[in-house]
Amino acid sequence: MSDPEVRRLAGEIEQEEFRLGQELSTRLQPFQERYDRAVTDCDVELFSRICPGKHVRWGRICFMDADHEMAGEPHWGRTADGRLIAWVGSAPDD
């Protein structure tokens, strides 16, 4: 990860993840609202149906349904600082 080209590419990928996260927000906003309600209501049953995908190191949590990747949808959610983000695949800390 210390190679300058690897860092440059990682930055480009992250910017694309943020761009795609914003682009998908209109269509996917209901998933975040559902997640927010589950947190407020302590709805454990709903949490069991939400995607377990996350990138803990970066504070990313996916708001989509479990197994949404099978339908070709990326993970979609917010970073710890509140930015919308979409990403494909998983991180080593999933």
C-alpha atoms as a PDB file:
ATOM      1  CA  MET A   1       0.000   0.000   0.000  1.00  0.00           C
ATOM      2  CA  SER A   2       2.983   2.331   0.255  1.00  0.00           C
ATOM      3  CA  ASP A   3       3.600   2.288  -3.494  1.00  0.00           C
ATOM      4  CA  PRO A   4       2.593   5.701  -4.940  1.00  0.00           C
ATOM      5  CA  GLU A   5       0.690   4.113  -7.847  1.00  0.00           C
ATOM      6  CA  VAL A   6      -1.306   1.884  -5.485  1.00  0.00           C
ATOM      7  CA  ARG A   7      -2.199   4.898  -3.328  1.00  0.00           C
ATOM      8  CA  ARG A   8      -3.211   6.900  -6.408  1.00  0.00           C
ATOM      9  CA  LEU A   9      -5.464   4.104  -7.642  1.00  0.00           C
ATOM     10  CA  ALA A  10      -6.958   3.645  -4.158  1.00  0.00           C
ATOM     11  CA  GLY A  11      -7.830   7.354  -4.140  1.00  0.00           C
ATOM     12  CA  GLU A  12      -9.485   7.109  -7.552  1.00  0.00           C
ATOM     13  CA  ILE A  13     -11.503   4.086  -6.457  1.00  0.00           C
ATOM     14  CA  GLU A  14     -12.636   5.862  -3.302  1.00  0.00           C
ATOM     15  CA  GLN A  15     -13.754   8.926  -5.273  1.00  0.00           C
ATOM     16  CA  GLU A  16     -15.751   6.669  -7.606  1.00  0.00           C
ATOM     17  CA  GLU A  17     -17.322   4.951  -4.576  1.00  0.00           C
ATOM     18  CA  PHE A  18     -18.434   8.341  -3.241  1.00  0.00           C
ATOM     19  CA  ARG A  19     -19.731   9.420  -6.677  1.00  0.00           C
ATOM     20  CA  LEU A  20     -21.722   6.211  -7.073  1.00  0.00           C
ATOM     21  CA  GLY A  21     -23.011   6.447  -3.504  1.00  0.00           C
ATOM     22  CA  GLN A  22     -24.433   9.890  -4.245  1.00  0.00           C
ATOM     23  CA  GLU A  23     -25.818   8.779  -7.616  1.00  0.00           C
ATOM     24  CA  LEU A  24     -27.719   5.876  -6.027  1.00  0.00           C
ATOM     25  CA  SER A  25     -29.041   7.883  -3.086  1.00  0.00           C
ATOM     26  CA  THR A  26     -32.424   8.790  -4.579  1.00  0.00           C
ATOM     27  CA  ARG A  27     -33.279   5.189  -5.384  1.00  0.00           C
ATOM     28  CA  LEU A  28     -31.784   3.641  -2.235  1.00  0.00           C
ATOM     29  CA  GLN A  29     -32.727   6.235   0.430  1.00  0.00           C
ATOM     30  CA  PRO A  30     -35.593   4.039   1.737  1.00  0.00           C
ATOM     31  CA  PHE A  31     -32.990   1.460   2.818  1.00  0.00           C
ATOM     32  CA  GLN A  32     -31.247   4.038   5.004  1.00  0.00           C
ATOM     33  CA  GLU A  33     -34.563   5.191   6.465  1.00  0.00           C
ATOM     34  CA  ARG A  34     -35.434   1.578   7.296  1.00  0.00           C
ATOM     35  CA  TYR A  35     -32.031   1.116   8.956  1.00  0.00           C
ATOM     36  CA  ASP A  36     -32.457   4.338  10.954  1.00  0.00           C
ATOM     37  CA  ARG A  37     -35.904   3.176  12.151  1.00  0.00           C
ATOM     38  CA  ALA A  38     -34.451  -0.203  13.158  1.00  0.00           C
ATOM     39  CA  VAL A  39     -31.789   1.562  15.246  1.00  0.00           C
ATOM     40  CA  THR A  40     -34.381   3.827  16.883  1.00  0.00           C
ATOM     41  CA  ASP A  41     -36.789   0.946  17.563  1.00  0.00           C
ATOM     42  CA  CYS A  42     -34.072  -1.614  18.463  1.00  0.00           C
ATOM     43  CA  ASP A  43     -35.597  -3.908  15.819  1.00  0.00           C
ATOM     44  CA  VAL A  44     -33.288  -6.924  16.112  1.00  0.00           C
ATOM     45  CA  GLU A  45     -35.351  -8.988  13.655  1.00  0.00           C
ATOM     46  CA  LEU A  46     -34.883  -6.377  10.929  1.00  0.00           C
ATOM     47  CA  PHE A  47     -31.130  -6.266  11.564  1.00  0.00           C
ATOM     48  CA  SER A  48     -31.017 -10.011  10.863  1.00  0.00           C
ATOM     49  CA  ARG A  49     -32.315  -9.289   7.334  1.00  0.00           C
ATOM     50  CA  ILE A  50     -29.952  -6.379   6.565  1.00  0.00           C
ATOM     51  CA  CYS A  51     -26.686  -6.973   4.714  1.00  0.00           C
ATOM     52  CA  PRO A  52     -23.826  -7.804   7.076  1.00  0.00           C
ATOM     53  CA  GLY A  53     -21.403  -6.056   4.680  1.00  0.00           C
ATOM     54  CA  LYS A  54     -19.242  -3.416   6.272  1.00  0.00           C
ATOM     55  CA  HIS A  55     -15.843  -1.877   6.169  1.00  0.00           C
ATOM     56  CA  VAL A  56     -15.347  -1.311   9.867  1.00  0.00           C
ATOM     57  CA  ARG A  57     -11.980   0.373   9.476  1.00  0.00           C
ATOM     58  CA  TRP A  58     -13.580   3.139   7.419  1.00  0.00           C
ATOM     59  CA  GLY A  59     -16.904   3.193   9.242  1.00  0.00           C
ATOM     60  CA  ARG A  60     -18.917   1.985   6.261  1.00  0.00           C
ATOM     61  CA  ILE A  61     -22.112   0.033   6.941  1.00  0.00           C
ATOM     62  CA  CYS A  62     -24.323  -1.347   4.173  1.00  0.00           C
ATOM     63  CA  PHE A  63     -28.046  -0.498   4.459  1.00  0.00           C
ATOM     64  CA  MET A  64     -29.215  -2.973   1.794  1.00  0.00           C
ATOM     65  CA  ASP A  65     -30.989  -6.329   2.224  1.00  0.00           C
ATOM     66  CA  ALA A  66     -28.879  -9.413   2.877  1.00  0.00           C
ATOM     67  CA  ASP A  67     -27.799 -11.121  -0.363  1.00  0.00           C
ATOM     68  CA  HIS A  68     -28.391  -7.985  -2.457  1.00  0.00           C
ATOM     69  CA  GLU A  69     -25.118  -8.705  -4.268  1.00  0.00           C
ATOM     70  CA  MET A  70     -26.863 -11.628  -6.018  1.00  0.00           C
ATOM     71  CA  ALA A  71     -29.040  -9.039  -7.808  1.00  0.00           C
ATOM     72  CA  GLY A  72     -25.962  -7.074  -8.886  1.00  0.00           C
ATOM     73  CA  GLU A  73     -26.398  -4.221  -6.398  1.00  0.00           C
ATOM     74  CA  PRO A  74     -23.299  -2.790  -4.723  1.00  0.00           C
ATOM     75  CA  HIS A  75     -23.088  -2.293  -0.985  1.00  0.00           C
ATOM     76  CA  TRP A  76     -24.579   1.132  -0.236  1.00  0.00           C
ATOM     77  CA  GLY A  77     -24.461   3.208   2.912  1.00  0.00           C
ATOM     78  CA  ARG A  78     -22.685   6.016   4.721  1.00  0.00           C
ATOM     79  CA  THR A  79     -19.202   6.466   6.056  1.00  0.00           C
ATOM     80  CA  ALA A  80     -18.560   7.330   9.701  1.00  0.00           C
ATOM     81  CA  ASP A  81     -18.421  11.002   8.690  1.00  0.00           C
ATOM     82  CA  GLY A  82     -21.828  10.776   6.956  1.00  0.00           C
ATOM     83  CA  ARG A  83     -20.786  10.625   3.290  1.00  0.00           C
ATOM     84  CA  LEU A  84     -22.823   8.398   0.987  1.00  0.00           C
ATOM     85  CA  ILE A  85     -20.779   5.567  -0.485  1.00  0.00           C
ATOM     86  CA  ALA A  86     -21.243   2.489  -2.663  1.00  0.00           C
ATOM     87  CA  TRP A  87     -18.700  -0.296  -2.952  1.00  0.00           C
ATOM     88  CA  VAL A  88     -18.370  -3.714  -4.540  1.00  0.00           C
ATOM     89  CA  GLY A  89     -16.989  -6.738  -2.757  1.00  0.00           C
ATOM     90  CA  SER A  90     -15.760  -6.982   0.761  1.00  0.00           C
ATOM     91  CA  ALA A  91     -12.851  -5.799   2.816  1.00  0.00           C
ATOM     92  CA  PRO A  92     -10.572  -7.984   4.941  1.00  0.00           C
ATOM     93  CA  ASP A  93     -12.375  -6.723   8.051  1.00  0.00           C
ATOM     94  CA  ASP A  94     -15.861  -7.829   6.912  1.00  0.00           C
END
